[in-house]
C-alpha cells in the first residue's frame, strides 16, 4: 500500500539522537568522557531529503569520533556510486575522524570513493586511537550475516593485545 511507504518514509526522516553512557572498569582514564557518534543503516540513496536532515541533526552535537556501521545503500544490487557520494557529503559535516564498516546492502566498489572522501573503512582491520599517551582499538569486520566475510582474527592481528577494544560490525 502506498500509505505504508509514505508513513515509513516520514518516520525515517524523523531522525532522533539517543545518548547512552557506558561505564567500563578497564577503559583507559584518558578516554573517560570520550564521545562516539554512531550512525547506521542510512540507506541514503532511497531518501533524497535524508542527507540534509542528518547534517542539521549532527551539526550541534559534540563528539570525539564518528563510527558508521553500514548500509549506506538502499538496495543490495545496482548503483553504488550515489550512496558513496552521499556518504562523503555527510562526512563533510562530521567534525571528527570517521571510521566505518560495510553493511549487507553495501558493495566493495564503494570503498575507494568513500576513503578518498575521508571515511576510513575497516575491512577486517583495526585502528589504534591514542589520547594522552593511552590507547583504545577500534576493530571493524565485514558483514558477518549476509556475506559472511567477517574475519575477527584478521582484524585483531597486530593490535595491542591488552588494549581496550571496540568492535564495529553491521550485524551483531
Protein backbone atom coordinates (compact mmCIF):
# COMPACT_ATOMS: atom_id res chain seq x y z
CA UNK A 1 0.00 0.00 0.00
CA UNK A 2 1.30 3.48 -0.86
CA UNK A 3 0.37 4.85 2.58
CA UNK A 4 2.72 2.40 4.26
CA UNK A 5 5.64 3.67 2.15
CA UNK A 6 4.69 7.30 2.92
CA UNK A 7 4.41 6.54 6.64
CA UNK A 8 7.75 4.69 6.71
CA UNK A 9 9.47 7.44 4.72
CA UNK A 10 8.17 10.11 7.13
CA UNK A 11 9.39 8.09 10.12
CA UNK A 12 12.83 7.61 8.54
CA UNK A 13 13.19 11.38 8.12
CA UNK A 14 12.34 11.91 11.81
CA UNK A 15 15.96 11.36 12.90
CA UNK A 16 16.38 11.02 16.65
CA UNK A 17 19.53 11.37 18.76
CA UNK A 18 19.83 8.89 21.60
CA UNK A 19 22.52 9.32 24.25
CA UNK A 20 23.87 6.32 26.11
CA UNK A 21 26.58 6.41 28.74
CA UNK A 22 28.63 3.26 29.09
CA UNK A 23 30.93 2.51 32.01
CA UNK A 24 33.84 0.07 31.78
CA UNK A 25 36.31 -0.71 34.58
CA UNK A 26 39.13 -1.31 32.09
CA UNK A 27 38.65 1.81 29.96
CA UNK A 28 41.87 3.88 29.98
CA UNK A 29 41.46 7.05 32.06
CA UNK A 30 42.34 9.26 29.08
CA UNK A 31 39.13 8.02 27.40
CA UNK A 32 36.82 8.82 30.31
CA UNK A 33 34.15 11.01 28.71
CA UNK A 34 35.18 10.04 25.15
CA UNK A 35 32.09 10.55 22.97
CA UNK A 36 31.36 8.43 19.91
CA UNK A 37 28.77 9.42 17.32
CA UNK A 38 27.36 6.16 15.97
CA UNK A 39 25.46 6.25 12.68
CA UNK A 40 23.99 3.20 10.96
CA UNK A 41 21.56 1.97 8.33
CA UNK A 42 21.16 5.24 6.47
CA UNK A 43 20.10 3.82 3.09
CA UNK A 44 20.58 7.40 1.91
CA UNK A 45 20.09 6.93 -1.83
CA UNK A 46 16.49 5.85 -1.12
CA UNK A 47 15.57 9.13 0.62
CA UNK A 48 16.88 12.28 -1.06
CA UNK A 49 15.93 14.58 1.86
CA UNK A 50 17.74 12.48 4.46
CA UNK A 51 21.19 13.99 3.88
CA UNK A 52 20.01 17.49 4.83
CA UNK A 53 18.13 16.15 7.86
CA UNK A 54 21.23 14.27 9.06
CA UNK A 55 23.51 17.27 8.59
CA UNK A 56 21.13 19.51 10.59
CA UNK A 57 20.91 16.85 13.32
CA UNK A 58 24.68 16.27 13.56
CA UNK A 59 25.90 19.87 13.44
CA UNK A 60 25.11 20.84 17.07
CA UNK A 61 26.42 17.56 18.55
CA UNK A 62 29.76 17.24 20.33
CA UNK A 63 31.74 14.03 19.85
CA UNK A 64 35.32 12.80 19.62
CA UNK A 65 34.92 10.11 16.95
CA UNK A 66 32.26 9.10 14.43
CA UNK A 67 31.63 5.47 13.54
CA UNK A 68 29.29 4.25 10.81
CA UNK A 69 28.16 0.64 10.81
CA UNK A 70 26.97 0.11 7.29
CA UNK A 71 24.03 0.09 4.93
CA UNK A 72 24.84 3.35 3.20
CA UNK A 73 22.94 1.99 0.17
CA UNK A 74 19.21 1.29 -0.19
CA UNK A 75 19.32 -1.80 -2.40
CA UNK A 76 21.67 -4.76 -2.44
CA UNK A 77 22.15 -4.59 -6.20
CA UNK A 78 22.66 -1.78 -8.65
CA UNK A 79 24.35 1.58 -8.27
CA UNK A 80 26.96 2.09 -5.63
CA UNK A 81 28.38 5.44 -6.76
CA UNK A 82 25.46 7.54 -5.48
CA UNK A 83 25.40 6.12 -1.94
CA UNK A 84 29.19 6.52 -1.75
CA UNK A 85 28.87 10.14 -2.88
CA UNK A 86 26.15 10.81 -0.29
CA UNK A 87 28.27 9.22 2.46
CA UNK A 88 31.14 11.53 1.52
CA UNK A 89 28.79 14.55 1.57
CA UNK A 90 27.69 13.54 5.07
CA UNK A 91 31.34 13.11 6.08
CA UNK A 92 31.97 16.76 5.22
CA UNK A 93 29.56 17.73 8.01
CA UNK A 94 31.18 15.40 10.56
CA UNK A 95 33.62 17.17 12.85
CA UNK A 96 35.91 14.24 13.69
CA UNK A 97 37.72 11.28 12.28
CA UNK A 98 35.21 8.88 10.74
CA UNK A 99 35.57 5.10 10.75
CA UNK A 100 33.14 2.72 9.07
CA UNK A 101 32.32 -0.84 8.12
CA UNK A 102 30.19 -2.07 5.25
CA UNK A 103 26.70 -3.48 5.74
CA UNK A 104 24.81 -6.16 3.88
CA UNK A 105 23.46 -3.58 1.39
CA UNK A 106 26.88 -2.13 0.59
CA UNK A 107 29.36 -3.05 -2.14
CA UNK A 108 33.14 -3.27 -2.01
CA UNK A 109 33.16 -0.96 -5.04
CA UNK A 110 32.08 1.89 -2.71
CA UNK A 111 35.25 1.75 -0.63
CA UNK A 112 37.69 3.73 -2.77
CA UNK A 113 35.32 6.70 -3.22
CA UNK A 114 34.41 6.71 0.47
CA UNK A 115 38.03 6.54 1.59
CA UNK A 116 39.00 9.30 -0.87
CA UNK A 117 36.27 11.36 0.80
CA UNK A 118 37.68 10.92 4.30
CA UNK A 119 35.86 7.84 5.59
CA UNK A 120 38.25 5.13 6.76
CA UNK A 121 36.71 1.72 6.09
CA UNK A 122 37.80 -1.04 8.46
CA UNK A 123 37.63 -4.16 6.30
CA UNK A 124 38.60 -6.80 8.85
CA UNK A 125 41.10 -4.27 10.19
CA UNK A 126 41.71 -2.17 13.25
CA UNK A 127 42.64 1.40 14.09
CA UNK A 128 44.51 2.43 17.24
CA UNK A 129 43.23 5.67 18.77
CA UNK A 130 45.66 7.47 21.08
CA UNK A 131 44.81 10.06 23.67
CA UNK A 132 47.19 11.46 26.28
CA UNK A 133 49.55 8.51 25.92
CA UNK A 134 46.83 5.84 26.25
CA UNK A 135 45.16 3.73 23.58
CA UNK A 136 41.94 2.08 22.57
CA UNK A 137 41.49 -0.08 19.49
CA UNK A 138 38.55 0.15 17.10
CA UNK A 139 38.07 -3.12 15.22
CA UNK A 140 35.93 -3.39 12.10
CA UNK A 141 34.69 -6.56 10.47
CA UNK A 142 32.87 -7.06 7.21
CA UNK A 143 29.21 -8.05 7.49
CA UNK A 144 29.06 -11.37 9.38
CA UNK A 145 25.46 -12.14 8.45
CA UNK A 146 24.69 -11.68 4.76
CA UNK A 147 28.11 -12.00 3.13
CA UNK A 148 29.81 -13.94 5.95
CA UNK A 149 33.03 -12.08 5.09
CA UNK A 150 33.92 -11.21 8.66
CA UNK A 151 37.35 -12.18 9.94
CA UNK A 152 37.82 -11.15 13.55
CA UNK A 153 41.25 -12.80 13.79
CA UNK A 154 42.48 -10.71 10.86
CA UNK A 155 41.01 -7.55 12.40
CA UNK A 156 42.79 -8.29 15.68
CA UNK A 157 46.14 -9.13 14.05
CA UNK A 158 48.83 -6.72 15.18
CA UNK A 159 46.61 -4.84 17.61
CA UNK A 160 47.91 -4.22 21.14
CA UNK A 161 46.78 -7.38 22.97
CA UNK A 162 45.85 -5.72 26.26
CA UNK A 163 44.22 -2.61 24.79
CA UNK A 164 40.55 -1.78 25.34
CA UNK A 165 38.72 -2.74 22.16
CA UNK A 166 35.50 -1.67 20.47
CA UNK A 167 34.12 -3.82 17.65
CA UNK A 168 32.23 -2.35 14.69
CA UNK A 169 30.06 -4.83 12.82
CA UNK A 170 26.89 -4.25 10.81
CA UNK A 171 25.20 -7.39 12.12
CA UNK A 172 25.84 -8.06 15.80
